[in-house]
Amino acid sequence: MKKNMGSMDRIVRSVIAIVIAILYFTNIISGTIGLILLVLAGIFLFTSFISFCPLYGPFGLSTCKKEDN
């Protein structure tokens, strides 16, 4: 897998995931929507750690800085 996420993208995803987790575990969001958001937060954290978003690939997107060859 080639990295396709830049550092700012990774930070934003991590912050969103942490906020969702805090809202879920403090019972501000709950029920089915809470579980769906919690799963989405897990996906955000996972993709942030591996620096790869599978949805970027088919569209040719990348938020990484371009390297000079």
C-alpha atoms as a PDB file:
ATOM      1  CA  MET A   1       0.000   0.000   0.000  1.00  0.00           C
ATOM      2  CA  LYS A   2       1.313   3.373  -0.969  1.00  0.00           C
ATOM      3  CA  LYS A   3       0.624   6.139   1.524  1.00  0.00           C
ATOM      4  CA  ASN A   4      -2.015   8.576   0.326  1.00  0.00           C
ATOM      5  CA  MET A   5      -2.755  10.591   3.478  1.00  0.00           C
ATOM      6  CA  GLY A   6      -0.857  13.655   4.583  1.00  0.00           C
ATOM      7  CA  SER A   7      -0.156  14.624   8.161  1.00  0.00           C
ATOM      8  CA  MET A   8      -2.970  17.185   8.387  1.00  0.00           C
ATOM      9  CA  ASP A   9      -5.489  14.652   7.076  1.00  0.00           C
ATOM     10  CA  ARG A  10      -4.303  12.137   9.674  1.00  0.00           C
ATOM     11  CA  ILE A  11      -4.552  14.690  12.503  1.00  0.00           C
ATOM     12  CA  VAL A  12      -8.072  15.778  11.517  1.00  0.00           C
ATOM     13  CA  ARG A  13      -9.278  12.161  11.321  1.00  0.00           C
ATOM     14  CA  SER A  14      -7.750  11.362  14.704  1.00  0.00           C
ATOM     15  CA  VAL A  15      -9.337  14.395  16.364  1.00  0.00           C
ATOM     16  CA  ILE A  16     -12.750  13.551  14.890  1.00  0.00           C
ATOM     17  CA  ALA A  17     -12.417   9.945  16.103  1.00  0.00           C
ATOM     18  CA  ILE A  18     -11.469  11.056  19.617  1.00  0.00           C
ATOM     19  CA  VAL A  19     -14.384  13.511  19.797  1.00  0.00           C
ATOM     20  CA  ILE A  20     -16.832  10.821  18.647  1.00  0.00           C
ATOM     21  CA  ALA A  21     -15.463   8.371  21.235  1.00  0.00           C
ATOM     22  CA  ILE A  22     -15.768  10.953  24.017  1.00  0.00           C
ATOM     23  CA  LEU A  23     -19.345  11.786  22.995  1.00  0.00           C
ATOM     24  CA  TYR A  24     -20.266   8.091  22.891  1.00  0.00           C
ATOM     25  CA  PHE A  25     -18.715   7.127  26.218  1.00  0.00           C
ATOM     26  CA  THR A  26     -20.246  10.136  27.998  1.00  0.00           C
ATOM     27  CA  ASN A  27     -23.668   9.068  26.623  1.00  0.00           C
ATOM     28  CA  ILE A  28     -24.200  12.250  24.656  1.00  0.00           C
ATOM     29  CA  ILE A  29     -24.692  10.125  21.557  1.00  0.00           C
ATOM     30  CA  SER A  30     -26.155   6.648  21.939  1.00  0.00           C
ATOM     31  CA  GLY A  31     -28.208   3.981  20.273  1.00  0.00           C
ATOM     32  CA  THR A  32     -27.762   2.866  16.699  1.00  0.00           C
ATOM     33  CA  ILE A  33     -26.348   6.175  15.497  1.00  0.00           C
ATOM     34  CA  GLY A  34     -23.854   6.115  18.350  1.00  0.00           C
ATOM     35  CA  LEU A  35     -22.637   2.661  17.385  1.00  0.00           C
ATOM     36  CA  ILE A  36     -22.371   3.618  13.723  1.00  0.00           C
ATOM     37  CA  LEU A  37     -20.345   6.714  14.611  1.00  0.00           C
ATOM     38  CA  LEU A  38     -18.147   4.674  16.944  1.00  0.00           C
ATOM     39  CA  VAL A  39     -17.354   2.221  14.130  1.00  0.00           C
ATOM     40  CA  LEU A  40     -16.628   5.166  11.825  1.00  0.00           C
ATOM     41  CA  ALA A  41     -14.287   6.582  14.475  1.00  0.00           C
ATOM     42  CA  GLY A  42     -12.464   3.249  14.610  1.00  0.00           C
ATOM     43  CA  ILE A  43     -12.050   3.274  10.838  1.00  0.00           C
ATOM     44  CA  PHE A  44     -10.759   6.854  10.994  1.00  0.00           C
ATOM     45  CA  LEU A  45      -8.166   5.895  13.617  1.00  0.00           C
ATOM     46  CA  PHE A  46      -7.081   2.796  11.711  1.00  0.00           C
ATOM     47  CA  THR A  47      -6.635   4.663   8.430  1.00  0.00           C
ATOM     48  CA  SER A  48      -4.771   7.435  10.259  1.00  0.00           C
ATOM     49  CA  PHE A  49      -2.287   4.952  11.721  1.00  0.00           C
ATOM     50  CA  ILE A  50      -1.557   3.254   8.392  1.00  0.00           C
ATOM     51  CA  SER A  51      -1.660   6.530   6.369  1.00  0.00           C
ATOM     52  CA  PHE A  52      -3.802   4.917   3.699  1.00  0.00           C
ATOM     53  CA  CYS A  53      -7.420   5.551   2.800  1.00  0.00           C
ATOM     54  CA  PRO A  54      -8.888   2.921   0.463  1.00  0.00           C
ATOM     55  CA  LEU A  55     -11.519   5.372  -0.794  1.00  0.00           C
ATOM     56  CA  TYR A  56      -8.838   7.737  -2.112  1.00  0.00           C
ATOM     57  CA  GLY A  57      -7.400   5.090  -4.475  1.00  0.00           C
ATOM     58  CA  PRO A  58     -10.220   4.723  -7.038  1.00  0.00           C
ATOM     59  CA  PHE A  59     -10.525   8.498  -7.321  1.00  0.00           C
ATOM     60  CA  GLY A  60      -6.774   9.123  -7.578  1.00  0.00           C
ATOM     61  CA  LEU A  61      -6.774  11.356  -4.497  1.00  0.00           C
ATOM     62  CA  SER A  62      -3.800  11.928  -2.239  1.00  0.00           C
ATOM     63  CA  THR A  63      -3.195  14.438   0.534  1.00  0.00           C
ATOM     64  CA  CYS A  64       0.508  13.602   0.813  1.00  0.00           C
ATOM     65  CA  LYS A  65       3.103  16.150  -0.130  1.00  0.00           C
ATOM     66  CA  LYS A  66       4.521  15.488  -3.563  1.00  0.00           C
ATOM     67  CA  GLU A  67       8.068  14.221  -3.605  1.00  0.00           C
ATOM     68  CA  ASP A  68      10.554  15.406  -6.189  1.00  0.00           C
ATOM     69  CA  ASN A  69      12.151  12.525  -8.090  1.00  0.00           C
END
